[in-house]
Amino acid sequence: MPELRRVLANGVELNVALSGSGPAVLLLHGFPHTWELWTDIMADLSGRYRVIAPDLRGFGASSRAASGYDAGTLAEDAAALLTTLGISSAAVVGIDAGTAPAFLLALRRPGLVRRLVVMESLLGRLPGAEDFLTDGPPWWFGFHSATPHLAETVLEGHEAAYVDWFLNTGTLDDGVRPALRDAFVRAYTGREALRCAFSYYRALPESAVQIEQAVASARLTMPTMALGARPVGAALERQLRPITDDLTGHVIEDCGHIIPLHRPHSLLTLLHPFLAGEDATARDRGGADVR
């Protein structure tokens, strides 16, 4: 089991899971998850790497901050966490809500991020995702953010059913192990837990501006890998292609949104050579499918 530690970073206390030794790998989860999203990935990577998996600000057992759910602040949380842990360089892996902070961390602190992996998310309003957004963003984006406190009021007392919908949809109805499902439900139960989670969605317009400003003056210079499944597919890769010097793209076949839990072995098959820097001969700049 990973070591759990409370770490003060950028003014908030983060609950952080730590495992293994070696070069650092920072894992940033999404919604409705906690650091436990990475359970299978950590168990494997910790044989070669120092794996760091925080609960994002306001999520899981981290501080229920009043503000700071924009991608820029979440990126600064990550940078401060690495500094506090004495880490000067890390590979950074983000999914869903963790993608934009990972991306901004890499753009703003390129010396801190030696390799970047992002998956199953979109980066604000950057071009390339038009096909995915033909019918508009997913319905829950509006529900979570449109009217202050509405989503919390509607969902309080019904959190388990709501979280279950995301876990089942995100695994193509395969579901997740009961212990993990219960951990996620606990993490998102109660009005304050819901407020923090939905604050991320309410900050999306601010995050989109931060992303646009960042790409106006910087590019991703480190090796970067964009991974898709259902429903995002190759949309994230298309967004990254014009602003990235060294990009690898893959779509994992027969895989739902929650890649680390639904297809951990497929993910690890891609992560290991990429993190080790052994991907030069295998790179397919036009994208590839992994079964």
Protein backbone atom coordinates (compact mmCIF):
# COMPACT_ATOMS: atom_id res chain seq x y z
CA MET A 1 0.00 0.00 0.00
CA PRO A 2 1.22 3.54 -0.71
CA GLU A 3 2.20 5.83 2.13
CA LEU A 4 -0.41 8.55 2.73
CA ARG A 5 0.93 11.94 3.77
CA ARG A 6 -0.50 15.41 4.39
CA VAL A 7 1.55 17.99 2.49
CA LEU A 8 1.11 21.77 2.67
CA ALA A 9 1.35 23.13 -0.89
CA ASN A 10 0.34 26.55 -2.21
CA GLY A 11 -1.70 27.29 0.90
CA VAL A 12 -3.72 24.06 0.99
CA GLU A 13 -3.16 20.69 2.63
CA LEU A 14 -3.05 17.95 0.04
CA ASN A 15 -3.62 14.30 0.81
CA VAL A 16 -0.84 12.55 -1.12
CA ALA A 17 -0.17 8.88 -1.84
CA LEU A 18 3.53 8.06 -2.24
CA SER A 19 5.10 4.83 -3.41
CA GLY A 20 8.36 3.46 -4.81
CA SER A 21 11.71 5.06 -5.53
CA GLY A 22 13.50 6.42 -8.57
CA PRO A 23 12.64 9.22 -11.02
CA ALA A 24 9.45 11.02 -9.98
CA VAL A 25 6.08 10.47 -11.67
CA LEU A 26 3.22 12.77 -10.66
CA LEU A 27 -0.33 11.49 -11.28
CA LEU A 28 -3.28 13.92 -11.38
CA HIS A 29 -6.79 12.42 -11.23
CA GLY A 30 -10.15 13.63 -12.52
CA PHE A 31 -13.85 13.61 -11.54
CA PRO A 32 -15.37 11.74 -9.72
CA HIS A 33 -12.13 10.18 -8.53
CA THR A 34 -9.40 10.50 -5.94
CA TRP A 35 -5.76 9.40 -5.93
CA GLU A 36 -7.14 5.83 -5.77
CA LEU A 37 -7.91 6.07 -9.47
CA TRP A 38 -4.22 5.22 -9.93
CA THR A 39 -4.14 2.17 -7.62
CA ASP A 40 -3.19 -0.36 -10.32
CA ILE A 41 -0.84 2.05 -12.08
CA MET A 42 1.00 2.94 -8.88
CA ALA A 43 1.48 -0.70 -7.93
CA ASP A 44 3.23 -1.33 -11.24
CA LEU A 45 5.20 1.90 -11.67
CA SER A 46 6.51 1.97 -8.11
CA GLY A 47 9.01 -0.76 -8.98
CA ARG A 48 10.93 1.81 -11.08
CA TYR A 49 9.68 5.24 -10.07
CA ARG A 50 8.85 7.47 -7.13
CA VAL A 51 5.11 7.75 -7.74
CA ILE A 52 3.21 10.72 -6.31
CA ALA A 53 -0.59 10.79 -6.49
CA PRO A 54 -2.34 13.65 -4.68
CA ASP A 55 -6.00 14.28 -4.15
CA LEU A 56 -6.48 17.57 -6.01
CA ARG A 57 -7.41 20.66 -4.01
CA GLY A 58 -10.89 20.15 -2.56
CA PHE A 59 -11.14 16.54 -3.73
CA GLY A 60 -10.93 13.40 -1.60
CA ALA A 61 -9.13 14.04 1.69
CA SER A 62 -7.41 17.28 0.60
CA SER A 63 -8.44 20.66 2.01
CA ARG A 64 -11.92 21.91 1.07
CA ALA A 65 -10.57 25.19 -0.25
CA ALA A 66 -12.95 28.08 -0.78
CA SER A 67 -11.43 28.91 -4.18
CA GLY A 68 -8.58 28.04 -6.53
CA TYR A 69 -10.21 25.42 -8.76
CA ASP A 70 -8.99 26.96 -12.01
CA ALA A 71 -6.36 25.01 -13.92
CA GLY A 72 -3.65 27.59 -13.25
CA THR A 73 -4.01 27.38 -9.48
CA LEU A 74 -4.19 23.57 -9.60
CA ALA A 75 -0.96 23.62 -11.63
CA GLU A 76 0.68 25.79 -8.96
CA ASP A 77 -0.53 23.33 -6.30
CA ALA A 78 1.28 20.57 -8.21
CA ALA A 79 4.45 22.62 -8.58
CA ALA A 80 4.45 23.48 -4.88
CA LEU A 81 3.87 19.83 -3.97
CA LEU A 82 6.90 18.74 -5.97
CA THR A 83 9.03 21.50 -4.42
CA THR A 84 7.95 20.56 -0.90
CA LEU A 85 8.85 16.94 -1.61
CA GLY A 86 12.28 18.03 -2.86
CA ILE A 87 11.65 16.96 -6.45
CA SER A 88 13.24 19.07 -9.20
CA SER A 89 11.94 17.10 -12.21
CA ALA A 90 8.98 14.80 -12.78
CA ALA A 91 7.05 13.06 -15.49
CA VAL A 92 3.48 14.34 -15.15
CA VAL A 93 0.39 12.30 -16.02
CA GLY A 94 -3.09 13.83 -15.99
CA ILE A 95 -6.56 12.62 -16.88
CA ASP A 96 -9.91 14.41 -17.08
CA ALA A 97 -9.81 17.29 -14.55
CA GLY A 98 -6.10 16.66 -14.07
CA THR A 99 -5.25 17.24 -17.75
CA ALA A 100 -5.45 21.04 -17.90
CA PRO A 101 -3.35 21.53 -14.72
CA ALA A 102 -0.76 19.06 -16.05
CA PHE A 103 -0.69 20.92 -19.37
CA LEU A 104 -0.29 24.36 -17.78
CA LEU A 105 2.38 23.05 -15.41
CA ALA A 106 4.35 21.81 -18.42
CA LEU A 107 3.93 25.08 -20.34
CA ARG A 108 4.74 27.33 -17.41
CA ARG A 109 7.44 25.21 -15.74
CA PRO A 110 9.11 23.27 -18.58
CA GLY A 111 12.20 22.67 -16.45
CA LEU A 112 10.06 20.86 -13.89
CA VAL A 113 8.26 18.52 -16.32
CA ARG A 114 10.54 16.11 -18.15
CA ARG A 115 7.70 14.20 -19.87
CA LEU A 116 3.96 14.82 -20.13
CA VAL A 117 1.07 12.38 -20.53
CA VAL A 118 -2.49 13.69 -20.83
CA MET A 119 -5.65 11.76 -21.52
CA GLU A 120 -9.40 11.84 -22.00
CA SER A 121 -10.01 15.56 -21.71
CA LEU A 122 -10.12 18.71 -23.79
CA LEU A 123 -7.99 21.81 -23.35
CA GLY A 124 -10.35 24.75 -23.16
CA ARG A 125 -11.27 26.22 -26.52
CA LEU A 126 -8.14 25.20 -28.41
CA PRO A 127 -8.89 24.17 -32.02
CA GLY A 128 -9.01 20.49 -32.91
CA ALA A 129 -12.01 19.30 -30.89
CA GLU A 130 -14.74 20.64 -33.17
CA ASP A 131 -15.98 17.19 -34.21
CA PHE A 132 -16.23 16.05 -30.60
CA LEU A 133 -18.17 19.20 -29.67
CA THR A 134 -20.61 19.12 -32.60
CA ASP A 135 -23.54 18.60 -30.22
CA GLY A 136 -22.05 20.76 -27.47
CA PRO A 137 -20.12 19.76 -24.35
CA PRO A 138 -21.27 16.82 -22.19
CA TRP A 139 -24.53 17.54 -20.37
CA TRP A 140 -23.04 17.48 -16.88
CA PHE A 141 -20.77 20.45 -17.62
CA GLY A 142 -23.81 22.72 -17.70
CA PHE A 143 -25.54 21.00 -14.80
CA HIS A 144 -22.49 21.32 -12.56
CA SER A 145 -21.81 24.95 -13.38
CA ALA A 146 -24.86 26.81 -14.69
CA THR A 147 -26.60 27.87 -11.46
CA PRO A 148 -24.68 28.22 -8.18
CA HIS A 149 -25.61 25.56 -5.61
CA LEU A 150 -28.25 23.93 -7.82
CA ALA A 151 -26.31 20.72 -8.49
CA GLU A 152 -25.41 20.35 -4.81
CA THR A 153 -29.04 20.81 -3.77
CA VAL A 154 -30.33 18.28 -6.28
CA LEU A 155 -27.67 15.65 -5.62
CA GLU A 156 -27.22 15.79 -1.84
CA GLY A 157 -28.46 12.47 -0.50
CA HIS A 158 -28.18 10.85 -3.93
CA GLU A 159 -24.41 10.96 -4.39
CA ALA A 160 -23.92 7.20 -4.67
CA ALA A 161 -26.27 6.83 -7.63
CA TYR A 162 -24.67 9.80 -9.35
CA VAL A 163 -21.10 8.58 -8.86
CA ASP A 164 -22.13 5.10 -9.99
CA TRP A 165 -23.40 6.53 -13.28
CA PHE A 166 -20.00 8.05 -14.04
CA LEU A 167 -18.09 4.94 -12.97
CA ASN A 168 -20.27 2.64 -15.07
CA THR A 169 -20.35 4.91 -18.10
CA GLY A 170 -16.60 5.48 -17.85
CA THR A 171 -15.91 1.74 -17.97
CA LEU A 172 -18.45 0.88 -20.70
CA ASP A 173 -20.68 -0.63 -17.99
CA ASP A 174 -17.97 -2.94 -16.64
CA GLY A 175 -17.89 -1.00 -13.35
CA VAL A 176 -15.04 -0.81 -10.88
CA ARG A 177 -14.05 -2.93 -7.90
CA PRO A 178 -16.43 -2.48 -4.93
CA ALA A 179 -13.74 -1.13 -2.61
CA LEU A 180 -12.76 1.57 -5.11
CA ARG A 181 -16.38 2.38 -5.89
CA ASP A 182 -17.09 2.84 -2.18
CA ALA A 183 -14.02 5.05 -1.76
CA PHE A 184 -15.13 7.33 -4.59
CA VAL A 185 -18.69 7.54 -3.23
CA ARG A 186 -17.39 8.51 0.23
CA ALA A 187 -15.15 11.16 -1.29
CA TYR A 188 -18.07 12.85 -3.08
CA THR A 189 -20.72 12.58 -0.37
CA GLY A 190 -21.91 15.75 1.34
CA ARG A 191 -22.59 19.31 0.22
CA GLU A 192 -19.02 20.53 0.75
CA ALA A 193 -17.53 17.66 -1.23
CA LEU A 194 -19.96 18.36 -4.07
CA ARG A 195 -19.27 22.11 -3.94
CA CYS A 196 -15.55 21.55 -4.34
CA ALA A 197 -16.00 19.11 -7.20
CA PHE A 198 -18.37 21.41 -9.07
CA SER A 199 -16.12 24.42 -8.42
CA TYR A 200 -13.73 22.88 -10.93
CA TYR A 201 -16.47 23.04 -13.60
CA ARG A 202 -17.46 26.57 -12.57
CA ALA A 203 -13.85 27.64 -13.12
CA LEU A 204 -13.66 26.20 -16.66
CA PRO A 205 -14.11 29.58 -18.39
CA GLU A 206 -11.20 31.00 -16.36
CA SER A 207 -9.13 27.90 -17.11
CA ALA A 208 -9.86 28.27 -20.83
CA VAL A 209 -8.53 31.84 -20.78
CA GLN A 210 -5.40 30.67 -18.94
CA ILE A 211 -4.81 28.00 -21.57
CA GLU A 212 -5.24 30.45 -24.44
CA GLN A 213 -2.85 32.93 -22.83
CA ALA A 214 -0.27 30.23 -22.15
CA VAL A 215 -0.19 28.87 -25.72
CA ALA A 216 0.10 32.40 -27.13
CA SER A 217 3.65 32.62 -25.81
CA ALA A 218 4.87 29.05 -25.25
CA ARG A 219 4.95 25.54 -26.73
CA LEU A 220 5.31 22.12 -25.18
CA THR A 221 8.95 21.25 -25.68
CA MET A 222 9.18 18.02 -23.68
CA PRO A 223 8.10 14.63 -25.10
CA THR A 224 4.32 14.50 -24.78
CA MET A 225 1.81 11.68 -25.15
CA ALA A 226 -1.93 12.19 -25.70
CA LEU A 227 -4.16 9.20 -24.96
CA GLY A 228 -7.79 8.82 -25.86
CA ALA A 229 -10.55 6.27 -25.43
CA ARG A 230 -14.32 6.68 -25.39
CA PRO A 231 -15.61 9.31 -25.72
CA VAL A 232 -12.74 11.78 -26.36
CA GLY A 233 -10.77 9.64 -28.84
CA ALA A 234 -8.16 11.62 -30.78
CA ALA A 235 -9.60 15.09 -30.06
CA LEU A 236 -7.00 15.94 -27.42
CA GLU A 237 -4.19 14.86 -29.71
CA ARG A 238 -5.56 17.15 -32.43
CA GLN A 239 -5.61 20.06 -30.01
CA LEU A 240 -2.01 19.44 -28.97
CA ARG A 241 -0.48 18.75 -32.38
CA PRO A 242 0.05 22.42 -33.46
CA ILE A 243 1.62 23.47 -30.14
CA THR A 244 3.82 20.47 -29.29
CA ASP A 245 7.34 19.75 -30.54
CA ASP A 246 7.36 16.01 -29.82
CA LEU A 247 3.90 14.41 -29.67
CA THR A 248 2.83 10.78 -29.56
CA GLY A 249 -0.88 9.96 -29.89
CA HIS A 250 -2.78 6.77 -29.19
CA VAL A 251 -6.42 5.77 -28.98
CA ILE A 252 -7.00 2.74 -26.75
CA GLU A 253 -9.61 0.49 -28.31
CA ASP A 254 -12.57 -0.93 -26.38
CA CYS A 255 -11.80 1.35 -23.45
CA GLY A 256 -13.99 3.75 -21.53
CA HIS A 257 -13.11 7.19 -20.22
CA ILE A 258 -11.57 5.93 -16.97
CA ILE A 259 -8.50 4.42 -18.65
CA PRO A 260 -6.44 3.68 -15.48
CA LEU A 261 -9.21 1.52 -14.05
CA HIS A 262 -10.79 0.11 -17.19
CA ARG A 263 -7.67 -0.84 -19.16
CA PRO A 264 -4.70 -0.48 -16.80
CA HIS A 265 -2.57 -3.03 -18.68
CA SER A 266 -3.06 -1.23 -21.99
CA LEU A 267 -2.15 2.04 -20.29
CA LEU A 268 0.96 0.57 -18.71
CA THR A 269 2.02 -0.91 -22.05
CA LEU A 270 2.16 2.66 -23.36
CA LEU A 271 3.48 4.34 -20.23
CA HIS A 272 6.51 2.17 -19.59
CA PRO A 273 8.42 2.81 -22.83
CA PHE A 274 7.34 6.44 -22.94
CA LEU A 275 8.45 7.21 -19.40
CA ALA A 276 11.69 5.37 -19.99
CA GLY A 277 12.36 7.35 -23.16
CA GLU A 278 12.41 4.23 -25.31
CA ASP A 279 9.58 5.23 -27.61
CA ALA A 280 11.60 6.70 -30.50
CA THR A 281 11.29 3.73 -32.84
CA ALA A 282 7.69 2.93 -31.89
CA ARG A 283 6.34 6.46 -32.22
CA ASP A 284 3.51 6.86 -34.69
CA ARG A 285 3.02 10.56 -35.16
CA GLY A 286 -0.31 9.97 -36.85
CA GLY A 287 -1.70 8.04 -33.87
CA ALA A 288 -2.09 4.35 -33.19
CA ASP A 289 -4.63 1.94 -31.72
CA VAL A 290 -3.87 -0.29 -28.76
CA ARG A 291 -6.07 -3.26 -27.94
